[in-house]
Protein backbone atom coordinates (compact mmCIF):
# COMPACT_ATOMS: atom_id res chain seq x y z
CA UNK A 1 21.30 -13.76 16.57
CA UNK A 2 19.64 -16.96 17.77
CA UNK A 3 22.02 -17.95 20.57
CA UNK A 4 19.73 -16.73 23.35
CA UNK A 5 16.84 -18.62 21.78
CA UNK A 6 18.65 -21.96 22.09
CA UNK A 7 19.31 -21.93 25.84
CA UNK A 8 16.45 -24.27 26.76
CA UNK A 9 14.15 -21.62 28.25
CA UNK A 10 11.23 -23.13 30.15
CA UNK A 11 8.51 -22.13 32.57
CA UNK A 12 7.24 -24.47 35.30
CA UNK A 13 3.59 -25.49 35.11
CA UNK A 14 2.71 -23.93 38.48
CA UNK A 15 4.34 -20.64 37.50
CA UNK A 16 2.43 -20.64 34.23
CA UNK A 17 -0.89 -21.31 35.96
CA UNK A 18 -0.23 -18.48 38.40
CA UNK A 19 0.79 -15.88 35.81
CA UNK A 20 -1.70 -16.53 33.03
CA UNK A 21 -4.96 -15.30 34.67
CA UNK A 22 -3.74 -11.76 35.50
CA UNK A 23 -2.01 -11.57 32.09
CA UNK A 24 -5.21 -12.50 30.28
CA UNK A 25 -7.20 -9.95 32.26
CA UNK A 26 -4.66 -7.23 31.52
CA UNK A 27 -4.61 -8.13 27.80
CA UNK A 28 -8.39 -7.93 27.62
CA UNK A 29 -8.37 -4.53 29.33
CA UNK A 30 -5.72 -3.26 26.94
CA UNK A 31 -7.65 -4.61 23.95
CA UNK A 32 -10.85 -2.89 25.14
CA UNK A 33 -9.02 0.40 25.66
CA UNK A 34 -7.51 0.08 22.18
CA UNK A 35 -10.92 -0.59 20.66
CA UNK A 36 -12.55 2.36 22.40
CA UNK A 37 -9.74 4.79 21.66
CA UNK A 38 -9.27 3.78 18.00
CA UNK A 39 -5.91 5.49 18.21
CA UNK A 40 -3.93 2.99 16.19
CA UNK A 41 -3.99 -0.54 14.72
CA UNK A 42 -1.83 -3.38 16.05
CA UNK A 43 -0.14 -5.60 13.46
CA UNK A 44 1.35 -8.84 14.79
CA UNK A 45 3.63 -10.96 12.59
CA UNK A 46 4.25 -14.56 13.68
CA UNK A 47 7.20 -15.90 11.73
CA UNK A 48 9.97 -18.37 12.35
CA UNK A 49 11.05 -21.98 12.10
CA UNK A 50 8.54 -24.59 10.94
CA UNK A 51 6.68 -26.20 13.87
CA UNK A 52 7.91 -23.56 16.35
CA UNK A 53 4.36 -22.76 17.47
CA UNK A 54 3.05 -20.05 15.19
CA UNK A 55 -0.38 -21.62 14.77
CA UNK A 56 -0.65 -22.44 18.48
CA UNK A 57 0.25 -18.84 19.34
CA UNK A 58 -2.43 -17.45 17.04
CA UNK A 59 -5.02 -19.77 18.60
CA UNK A 60 -3.87 -18.80 22.09
CA UNK A 61 -4.22 -15.08 21.43
CA UNK A 62 -7.75 -15.72 20.19
CA UNK A 63 -8.42 -17.54 23.47
CA UNK A 64 -6.82 -14.93 25.70
CA UNK A 65 -8.45 -11.91 24.05
CA UNK A 66 -11.78 -11.06 22.42
CA UNK A 67 -11.61 -12.76 19.00
CA UNK A 68 -14.32 -10.47 17.59
CA UNK A 69 -11.77 -7.67 17.39
CA UNK A 70 -8.88 -9.73 16.04
CA UNK A 71 -8.39 -10.22 12.31
CA UNK A 72 -6.24 -13.28 11.66
CA UNK A 73 -4.64 -14.24 8.37
CA UNK A 74 -2.77 -17.47 7.74
CA UNK A 75 -1.66 -16.85 4.17
CA UNK A 76 -0.69 -19.77 1.98
CA UNK A 77 -0.44 -20.14 -1.79
CA UNK A 78 -1.32 -17.15 -3.94
CA UNK A 79 -4.78 -17.16 -5.46
CA UNK A 80 -5.36 -16.26 -9.13
CA UNK A 81 -6.75 -12.91 -7.98
CA UNK A 82 -3.59 -12.19 -5.98
CA UNK A 83 -1.20 -13.26 -8.75
CA UNK A 84 -2.71 -10.63 -11.05
CA UNK A 85 -1.83 -7.77 -8.71
CA UNK A 86 1.38 -6.53 -7.05
CA UNK A 87 2.63 -8.90 -4.30
CA UNK A 88 1.85 -6.46 -1.49
CA UNK A 89 -1.82 -6.16 -2.53
CA UNK A 90 -2.85 -9.19 -0.49
CA UNK A 91 -1.36 -7.63 2.66
CA UNK A 92 -2.73 -4.13 2.11
CA UNK A 93 -6.18 -5.65 1.71
CA UNK A 94 -5.91 -7.37 5.11
CA UNK A 95 -4.49 -4.52 7.22
CA UNK A 96 -6.52 -4.01 10.42
CA UNK A 97 -8.25 -0.65 10.97
CA UNK A 98 -7.50 1.60 13.94
CA UNK A 99 -8.60 0.00 17.19
CA UNK A 100 -8.26 -3.57 15.89
CA UNK A 101 -5.54 -6.21 16.05
CA UNK A 102 -4.35 -8.06 12.96
CA UNK A 103 -2.32 -11.28 13.21
CA UNK A 104 -0.39 -12.62 10.22
CA UNK A 105 1.10 -16.10 9.85
CA UNK A 106 2.82 -15.98 6.52
CA UNK A 107 3.63 -12.35 5.95
CA UNK A 108 5.53 -10.16 3.50
CA UNK A 109 8.71 -11.84 4.75
CA UNK A 110 7.77 -15.39 3.72
CA UNK A 111 8.32 -15.33 -0.04
CA UNK A 112 11.63 -13.38 0.03
CA UNK A 113 13.01 -15.83 2.62
CA UNK A 114 11.96 -19.05 0.89
CA UNK A 115 12.88 -17.84 -2.60
CA UNK A 116 16.41 -16.96 -1.48
CA UNK A 117 16.92 -20.21 0.42
CA UNK A 118 15.93 -22.25 -2.62
CA UNK A 119 17.98 -20.15 -5.00
CA UNK A 120 15.12 -18.56 -6.89
CA UNK A 121 16.53 -15.15 -6.02
CA UNK A 122 20.08 -13.97 -5.36
CA UNK A 123 21.24 -12.00 -2.34
CA UNK A 124 21.10 -8.70 -4.23
CA UNK A 125 17.42 -9.22 -5.04
CA UNK A 126 16.73 -10.27 -1.45
CA UNK A 127 18.30 -7.05 -0.22
CA UNK A 128 16.10 -5.05 -2.60
CA UNK A 129 13.00 -6.86 -1.37
CA UNK A 130 13.95 -6.25 2.27
CA UNK A 131 14.58 -2.58 1.54
CA UNK A 132 11.07 -2.31 0.10
CA UNK A 133 9.68 -4.04 3.20
CA UNK A 134 11.47 -1.58 5.48
CA UNK A 135 9.95 1.34 3.59
CA UNK A 136 6.51 -0.30 3.79
CA UNK A 137 6.74 -0.84 7.54
CA UNK A 138 8.13 2.64 8.11
CA UNK A 139 5.17 4.05 6.22
CA UNK A 140 2.74 2.05 8.39
CA UNK A 141 4.47 3.27 11.55
CA UNK A 142 4.39 6.86 10.32
CA UNK A 143 0.64 6.40 9.88
CA UNK A 144 0.40 5.30 13.52
CA UNK A 145 0.47 1.49 13.33
CA UNK A 146 2.06 -0.56 16.12
CA UNK A 147 3.98 -3.41 14.47
CA UNK A 148 5.08 -6.36 16.61
CA UNK A 149 7.25 -8.94 14.83
CA UNK A 150 7.89 -12.27 16.58
CA UNK A 151 10.39 -14.80 15.29
CA UNK A 152 9.73 -18.20 16.89
CA UNK A 153 12.95 -20.16 16.89
CA UNK A 154 13.98 -23.79 17.32
CA UNK A 155 17.44 -25.26 17.19
CA UNK A 156 18.02 -27.94 14.57
CA UNK A 157 17.78 -30.67 17.22
CA UNK A 158 14.58 -29.17 18.68
CA UNK A 159 12.95 -28.86 15.27
CA UNK A 160 13.71 -32.47 14.35
CA UNK A 161 12.30 -33.65 17.67
CA UNK A 162 9.18 -31.54 17.17
CA UNK A 163 8.62 -32.82 13.61
CA UNK A 164 8.92 -36.47 14.70
CA UNK A 165 6.59 -35.98 17.65
CA UNK A 166 3.87 -34.39 15.56
CA UNK A 167 4.26 -36.98 12.81
CA UNK A 168 4.06 -39.93 15.20
CA UNK A 169 0.76 -38.84 16.74
CA UNK A 170 -2.30 -39.70 14.57
CA UNK A 171 -4.06 -36.62 15.94
CA UNK A 172 -1.34 -34.23 14.72
CA UNK A 173 0.11 -36.13 11.77
CA UNK A 174 -1.90 -33.98 9.34
CA UNK A 175 0.10 -30.92 10.39
CA UNK A 176 3.34 -32.26 8.93
CA UNK A 177 3.76 -31.86 5.19
CA UNK A 178 6.48 -33.10 2.87
CA UNK A 179 7.69 -29.50 2.53
CA UNK A 180 8.41 -29.35 6.29
CA UNK A 181 10.98 -32.13 6.02
CA UNK A 182 12.32 -30.63 2.80
CA UNK A 183 12.86 -27.34 4.60
CA UNK A 184 14.44 -29.13 7.55
CA UNK A 185 17.15 -30.57 5.29
CA UNK A 186 18.09 -26.95 4.52
CA UNK A 187 18.09 -25.89 8.18
CA UNK A 188 21.52 -24.25 8.05
CA UNK A 189 20.65 -22.32 4.91
CA UNK A 190 17.35 -21.16 6.42
CA UNK A 191 19.17 -20.06 9.55
CA UNK A 192 21.74 -18.03 7.59
CA UNK A 193 19.18 -16.25 5.43
CA UNK A 194 16.87 -15.69 8.39
CA UNK A 195 19.67 -14.02 10.35
CA UNK A 196 20.40 -11.77 7.38
CA UNK A 197 16.72 -10.90 7.06
CA UNK A 198 16.18 -10.16 10.75
CA UNK A 199 19.37 -8.14 11.02
CA UNK A 200 18.38 -6.01 8.04
CA UNK A 201 14.74 -5.43 8.97
CA UNK A 202 14.89 -5.04 12.75
CA UNK A 203 14.32 -1.29 12.78
CA UNK A 204 13.66 1.12 15.66
CA UNK A 205 10.05 1.46 14.47
CA UNK A 206 9.45 -2.27 14.04
CA UNK A 207 12.06 -4.45 15.79
CA UNK A 208 12.03 -8.24 15.81
CA UNK A 209 11.49 -10.16 19.06
CA UNK A 210 13.15 -13.59 18.92
CA UNK A 211 11.41 -16.18 21.11
CA UNK A 212 12.53 -19.73 21.79
CA UNK A 213 9.61 -21.92 20.78
CA UNK A 214 10.48 -25.31 22.29
CA UNK A 215 8.68 -24.76 25.61
CA UNK A 216 5.04 -23.83 24.98
CA UNK A 217 4.59 -22.12 28.34
CA UNK A 218 7.69 -19.96 27.94
CA UNK A 219 6.72 -19.04 24.39
CA UNK A 220 3.16 -18.12 25.34
CA UNK A 221 4.04 -16.01 28.39
CA UNK A 222 6.82 -14.19 26.55
CA UNK A 223 4.64 -13.20 23.60
CA UNK A 224 1.70 -12.31 25.84
CA UNK A 225 3.81 -10.04 28.04
CA UNK A 226 5.53 -8.33 25.11
CA UNK A 227 2.17 -7.72 23.45
CA UNK A 228 0.65 -6.32 26.65
CA UNK A 229 3.57 -4.01 27.36
CA UNK A 230 3.67 -2.67 23.81
CA UNK A 231 -0.06 -1.90 23.62
CA UNK A 232 -0.19 -0.50 27.14
CA UNK A 233 2.84 1.73 26.63
CA UNK A 234 1.38 3.17 23.43
CA UNK A 235 -2.07 3.71 24.97
CA UNK A 236 -0.75 5.29 28.18
CA UNK A 237 1.86 7.50 26.56
CA UNK A 238 1.04 11.22 26.79
CA UNK A 239 0.05 12.93 23.57
CA UNK A 240 3.19 14.49 22.07
CA UNK A 241 3.02 18.23 21.53
CA UNK A 242 1.85 19.09 18.04
CA UNK A 243 4.66 20.84 16.29
CA UNK A 244 6.09 20.75 12.83
CA UNK A 245 9.11 18.56 12.33
CA UNK A 246 12.20 20.48 11.19
CA UNK A 247 12.32 19.75 7.48
CA UNK A 248 14.44 21.23 4.69
CA UNK A 249 12.68 24.03 2.84
CA UNK A 250 11.11 23.32 -0.55
CA UNK A 251 13.21 24.89 -3.28
CA UNK A 252 11.35 27.34 -5.50
CA UNK A 253 12.70 28.75 -8.75
CA UNK A 254 14.59 31.94 -7.96
CA UNK A 255 13.63 33.47 -11.33
CA UNK A 256 9.93 32.66 -10.87
CA UNK A 257 9.72 30.34 -13.89
CA UNK A 258 8.01 26.98 -13.40
CA UNK A 259 6.92 24.11 -15.62
CA UNK A 260 3.24 25.01 -15.93
CA UNK A 261 4.20 28.40 -17.37
CA UNK A 262 5.93 26.67 -20.27
CA UNK A 263 2.70 25.06 -21.53
CA UNK A 264 1.22 26.52 -24.68
CA UNK A 265 -2.45 26.80 -23.80
CA UNK A 266 -3.33 28.21 -27.23
CA UNK A 267 -3.24 24.75 -28.85
CA UNK A 268 -6.49 24.10 -30.73
CA UNK A 269 -8.01 21.40 -32.87
CA UNK A 270 -10.81 22.01 -35.37
CA UNK A 271 -14.08 20.19 -34.92
CA UNK A 272 -13.64 18.33 -38.20
CA UNK A 273 -10.13 17.11 -37.38
CA UNK A 274 -11.22 16.29 -33.83
CA UNK A 275 -14.00 13.97 -35.01
CA UNK A 276 -11.71 12.16 -37.42
CA UNK A 277 -8.90 11.70 -34.90
CA UNK A 278 -11.30 10.73 -32.13
CA UNK A 279 -12.80 7.91 -34.19
CA UNK A 280 -9.37 6.65 -35.25
CA UNK A 281 -7.90 6.74 -31.73
CA UNK A 282 -10.91 5.14 -30.08
CA UNK A 283 -10.74 2.36 -32.65
CA UNK A 284 -7.01 1.97 -31.98
CA UNK A 285 -7.58 1.81 -28.20
CA UNK A 286 -10.35 -0.74 -28.64
CA UNK A 287 -8.08 -2.97 -30.73
CA UNK A 288 -5.31 -2.67 -28.15
CA UNK A 289 -7.71 -3.76 -25.40
CA UNK A 290 -8.47 -6.85 -27.51
CA UNK A 291 -4.83 -7.64 -28.25
CA UNK A 292 -3.94 -11.26 -27.53
CA UNK A 293 -1.38 -10.16 -24.90
CA UNK A 294 -3.43 -7.42 -23.25
CA UNK A 295 -4.51 -9.89 -20.57
CA UNK A 296 -0.86 -9.94 -19.41
CA UNK A 297 -1.10 -6.24 -18.51
CA UNK A 298 -3.29 -4.00 -16.42
CA UNK A 299 -3.78 -0.27 -16.90
CA UNK A 300 -4.09 2.44 -14.26
CA UNK A 301 -4.93 5.87 -15.66
CA UNK A 302 -5.28 8.79 -13.26
CA UNK A 303 -6.60 12.25 -13.93
CA UNK A 304 -5.68 15.34 -11.97
CA UNK A 305 -6.04 18.94 -13.02
CA UNK A 306 -7.48 22.35 -12.38
CA UNK A 307 -11.16 22.43 -11.48
CA UNK A 308 -13.25 22.50 -14.69
CA UNK A 309 -10.27 21.41 -16.79
CA UNK A 310 -12.28 18.63 -18.49
CA UNK A 311 -11.29 15.48 -16.61
CA UNK A 312 -14.75 13.93 -16.81
CA UNK A 313 -15.13 14.52 -20.55
CA UNK A 314 -11.67 13.07 -21.24
CA UNK A 315 -12.45 9.98 -19.16
CA UNK A 316 -15.67 9.43 -21.14
CA UNK A 317 -13.76 9.48 -24.43
CA UNK A 318 -11.58 6.66 -23.12
CA UNK A 319 -14.41 4.53 -21.77
CA UNK A 320 -16.38 4.89 -25.01
CA UNK A 321 -13.65 2.82 -26.65
CA UNK A 322 -13.64 0.03 -24.06
CA UNK A 323 -15.86 -2.91 -23.20
CA UNK A 324 -17.85 -1.84 -20.13
CA UNK A 325 -16.86 -5.10 -18.43
CA UNK A 326 -13.15 -4.34 -18.71
CA UNK A 327 -12.88 -1.00 -16.91
CA UNK A 328 -13.85 0.72 -13.72
CA UNK A 329 -13.94 4.42 -12.86
CA UNK A 330 -12.96 5.30 -9.29
CA UNK A 331 -14.04 8.82 -8.30
CA UNK A 332 -11.93 10.02 -5.38
CA UNK A 333 -13.48 12.42 -2.87
CA UNK A 334 -13.03 13.06 0.84
CA UNK A 335 -12.13 9.81 2.65
CA UNK A 336 -14.91 7.85 4.33
CA UNK A 337 -14.81 6.84 7.99
CA UNK A 338 -13.62 3.37 6.94
CA UNK A 339 -10.82 4.88 4.86
CA UNK A 340 -9.72 7.26 7.63
CA UNK A 341 -9.18 4.23 9.89
CA UNK A 342 -6.55 2.88 7.49
CA UNK A 343 -3.19 4.14 6.15
CA UNK A 344 -3.64 6.78 3.46
CA UNK A 345 -2.68 4.56 0.50
CA UNK A 346 -5.04 1.73 1.54
CA UNK A 347 -8.02 3.29 -0.25
CA UNK A 348 -6.12 3.16 -3.55
CA UNK A 349 -4.51 -0.25 -3.18
CA UNK A 350 -7.95 -1.83 -2.77
CA UNK A 351 -9.02 -0.64 -6.24
CA UNK A 352 -6.10 -1.96 -8.27
CA UNK A 353 -7.28 -3.84 -11.38
CA UNK A 354 -6.67 -7.43 -12.37
CA UNK A 355 -4.80 -8.34 -15.54
CA UNK A 356 -6.59 -7.34 -18.70
CA UNK A 357 -8.54 -4.62 -16.87
CA UNK A 358 -8.40 -0.82 -16.72
CA UNK A 359 -8.84 1.31 -13.61
CA UNK A 360 -9.45 5.02 -14.15
CA UNK A 361 -9.00 7.30 -11.15
CA UNK A 362 -10.85 10.62 -11.25
CA UNK A 363 -8.53 12.33 -8.75
CA UNK A 364 -6.06 10.06 -7.04
CA UNK A 365 -3.42 9.43 -4.36
CA UNK A 366 -1.91 12.77 -5.29
CA UNK A 367 -4.55 14.47 -3.16
CA UNK A 368 -2.14 14.31 -0.23
CA UNK A 369 0.41 16.54 -1.98
CA UNK A 370 -2.23 18.78 -3.53
CA UNK A 371 -5.48 19.53 -1.70
CA UNK A 372 -4.34 18.14 1.68
CA UNK A 373 -1.14 20.15 1.47
CA UNK A 374 -2.76 23.42 0.39
CA UNK A 375 -5.78 23.17 2.69
CA UNK A 376 -3.71 22.08 5.70
CA UNK A 377 -5.52 18.74 6.12
CA UNK A 378 -2.21 17.04 6.94
CA UNK A 379 1.08 18.17 8.39
CA UNK A 380 4.13 19.29 6.43
CA UNK A 381 5.89 16.06 7.38
CA UNK A 382 3.02 13.90 6.08
CA UNK A 383 2.83 15.42 2.61
CA UNK A 384 6.61 15.56 2.31
CA UNK A 385 6.78 11.83 3.09
CA UNK A 386 4.02 11.17 0.56
CA UNK A 387 6.28 11.85 -2.44
CA UNK A 388 8.46 8.85 -1.61
CA UNK A 389 5.49 6.66 -0.66
CA UNK A 390 3.78 7.47 -3.96
CA UNK A 391 6.91 6.67 -5.98
CA UNK A 392 7.24 3.36 -4.12
CA UNK A 393 3.59 2.56 -4.85
CA UNK A 394 3.88 3.31 -8.56
CA UNK A 395 7.13 1.35 -8.81
CA UNK A 396 5.34 -1.71 -7.44
CA UNK A 397 2.60 -1.26 -10.03
CA UNK A 398 5.03 -0.99 -12.93
CA UNK A 399 7.06 -3.95 -11.69
CA UNK A 400 3.82 -5.96 -11.83
CA UNK A 401 3.26 -5.05 -15.51
CA UNK A 402 0.77 -2.28 -14.80
CA UNK A 403 0.77 0.58 -17.30
CA UNK A 404 0.57 3.74 -15.19
CA UNK A 405 -0.60 6.79 -17.14
CA UNK A 406 -0.81 10.10 -15.25
CA UNK A 407 -2.47 13.22 -16.64
CA UNK A 408 -2.44 16.77 -15.35
CA UNK A 409 -5.02 18.86 -17.24
CA UNK A 410 -4.02 22.54 -17.20
CA UNK A 411 -6.18 25.51 -18.07
CA UNK A 412 -5.64 29.24 -17.64
CA UNK A 413 -7.21 31.16 -14.79
CA UNK A 414 -9.30 33.09 -17.30
CA UNK A 415 -10.59 29.93 -18.98
CA UNK A 416 -11.50 28.45 -15.60
CA UNK A 417 -13.56 31.54 -14.72
CA UNK A 418 -15.37 31.28 -18.05
CA UNK A 419 -16.23 27.61 -17.45
CA UNK A 420 -17.33 28.25 -13.86
CA UNK A 421 -19.81 30.87 -15.02
CA UNK A 422 -21.10 28.60 -17.79
CA UNK A 423 -21.72 25.84 -15.28
CA UNK A 424 -23.72 28.16 -13.05
CA UNK A 425 -25.96 29.16 -15.97
CA UNK A 426 -26.63 25.72 -17.48
CA UNK A 427 -29.08 23.70 -15.42
CA UNK A 428 -27.73 20.23 -16.16
CA UNK A 429 -24.16 21.37 -15.41
CA UNK A 430 -24.93 23.13 -12.15
CA UNK A 431 -23.95 20.08 -10.10
CA UNK A 432 -20.39 20.46 -11.40
CA UNK A 433 -19.78 23.78 -9.62
CA UNK A 434 -19.60 24.09 -5.84
CA UNK A 435 -18.51 26.60 -3.25
CA UNK A 436 -15.37 24.53 -2.81
CA UNK A 437 -14.43 25.17 -6.45
CA UNK A 438 -14.60 28.93 -5.86
CA UNK A 439 -12.53 28.61 -2.66
CA UNK A 440 -9.89 26.58 -4.50
CA UNK A 441 -9.74 29.28 -7.17
CA UNK A 442 -8.82 31.83 -4.51
CA UNK A 443 -5.74 29.68 -3.77
CA UNK A 444 -4.65 29.40 -7.41
CA UNK A 445 -1.01 30.30 -6.76
CA UNK A 446 -0.67 27.86 -3.85
CA UNK A 447 -2.11 25.02 -5.92
CA UNK A 448 0.12 25.95 -8.83
CA UNK A 449 3.22 25.67 -6.65
CA UNK A 450 2.01 22.35 -5.21
CA UNK A 451 1.47 20.98 -8.73
CA UNK A 452 4.97 22.00 -9.84
CA UNK A 453 6.50 20.35 -6.76
CA UNK A 454 4.44 17.23 -7.43
CA UNK A 455 5.63 16.99 -11.04
CA UNK A 456 9.27 17.59 -10.08
CA UNK A 457 9.21 14.87 -7.42
CA UNK A 458 6.97 12.19 -8.95
CA UNK A 459 7.44 12.37 -12.74
CA UNK A 460 9.70 9.34 -12.97
CA UNK A 461 11.14 7.34 -15.84
CA UNK A 462 8.65 4.52 -15.12
CA UNK A 463 5.58 6.68 -14.42
CA UNK A 464 5.98 10.11 -16.02
CA UNK A 465 3.39 12.86 -15.89
CA UNK A 466 1.72 13.92 -19.13
CA UNK A 467 0.88 17.62 -18.97
CA UNK A 468 -2.17 18.36 -21.09
CA UNK A 469 -2.92 21.82 -22.45
CA UNK A 470 -6.67 21.79 -21.86
CA UNK A 471 -7.96 25.25 -22.77
CA UNK A 472 -9.26 23.56 -25.91
CA UNK A 473 -11.15 20.40 -24.93
CA UNK A 474 -10.82 18.81 -28.35
CA UNK A 475 -7.03 19.14 -28.32
CA UNK A 476 -6.82 17.80 -24.75
CA UNK A 477 -8.94 14.72 -25.43
CA UNK A 478 -6.94 13.74 -28.49
CA UNK A 479 -3.62 14.18 -26.68
CA UNK A 480 -4.86 11.99 -23.83
CA UNK A 481 -6.09 9.22 -26.13
CA UNK A 482 -2.84 9.24 -28.08
CA UNK A 483 -0.84 8.99 -24.87
CA UNK A 484 -2.88 6.07 -23.53
CA UNK A 485 -2.55 4.18 -26.84
CA UNK A 486 1.19 4.85 -27.07
CA UNK A 487 1.86 3.70 -23.52
CA UNK A 488 -0.10 0.47 -23.95
CA UNK A 489 1.66 -0.25 -27.26
CA UNK A 490 5.06 0.30 -25.63
CA UNK A 491 4.14 -2.10 -22.82
CA UNK A 492 2.92 -4.76 -25.26
CA UNK A 493 6.17 -4.52 -27.24
CA UNK A 494 8.17 -5.31 -24.08
CA UNK A 495 6.31 -8.54 -23.36
């Protein structure tokens, strides 16, 4: 794959001086149009051979464009905060919003490449990592991002020459580390794995551009022109006609029976038994949160359910058992302007807890396949894609030793009506009932179908749904506490 990047490409100094001014002007115009339109973010990855010019290219793009609207990230060793979360967390946190440009030196490709070269991971694991990267980038592209991936290449002879030159000059000697020479000794291995990586991950949505890095002028003009053409083409492209993508129909049960109908909503728990079990389970949860190995885990508990099903009360029974410093409740409502400028899952990634902490989501990422689906806030294609994106997200959490506990609180239509009317009558509960709740009730059947589809497609062996019969609040709260305790105990036993 690198043959054309070892031909000795070069640009004469007079040609460079002639072409740079109009290129810079055009790049600035494109950047301004991007900023004003806020149509999409631009994500630039600068990867490649050590000393091939990644840092110089980042500095040059800052010089050629307005640096106030460029977010640059040269990622090195993981911090303690990053180690305690899934590997992709550090990249999700740094994604640029719509209208901005983000440049990454050291991206989601770095660790898989280096680990495989040095034998930390086998080829099978590398392929799995690359497959997850492809899904991640496809998701970003589906959300509108423009991803430009540049691989800056040097032949073995060129890299050795470059390393010696930088090391011999007192002004640049600091740039050469012992690891650079260590990597150079494995040049052939790096080349083989890099070819495998580029071949696998050069997709139609996010292809790699391989650039010979030996001649600075050639490298700079090539990257500048590719960047300009990509942004300009996206900005100037006519808006595609809005039409639904042809997708397979969702299968519904031909006999009309679905999973929510199988729940026994008559379950009840007496007040006396409730108090006894509540005290015992809260004590058990508190002890689990103080277990010597709990700081090797994190817990994500999410609550979805019918309006007025008792999510808030159930959450309070959990938090009463925990140290207030160890948990956080994240109420999820309509996205803010900042959140709308990012991919859908960004708003949830940013709230993931550190080890030894608990994050409780009151509503969650399942809004895309529930309220957004039913209310038409996103297209059919978007919420259909969301099932796979959600499963990928939860798989990353579980792989990082996060206990994911998902609750759907179900009540009957009659019980919901009763609770709605009670809320309207009681002054301190009036804030809990809104016009939106009544509108949602009118779409009961549509929401019911969306919930059943959600359970069928996202109740996995690693992150199953717990369906809670919530007509009786006492019964529901005890079932939820038992489930949380059981799941944490199971995770601790696996450590």
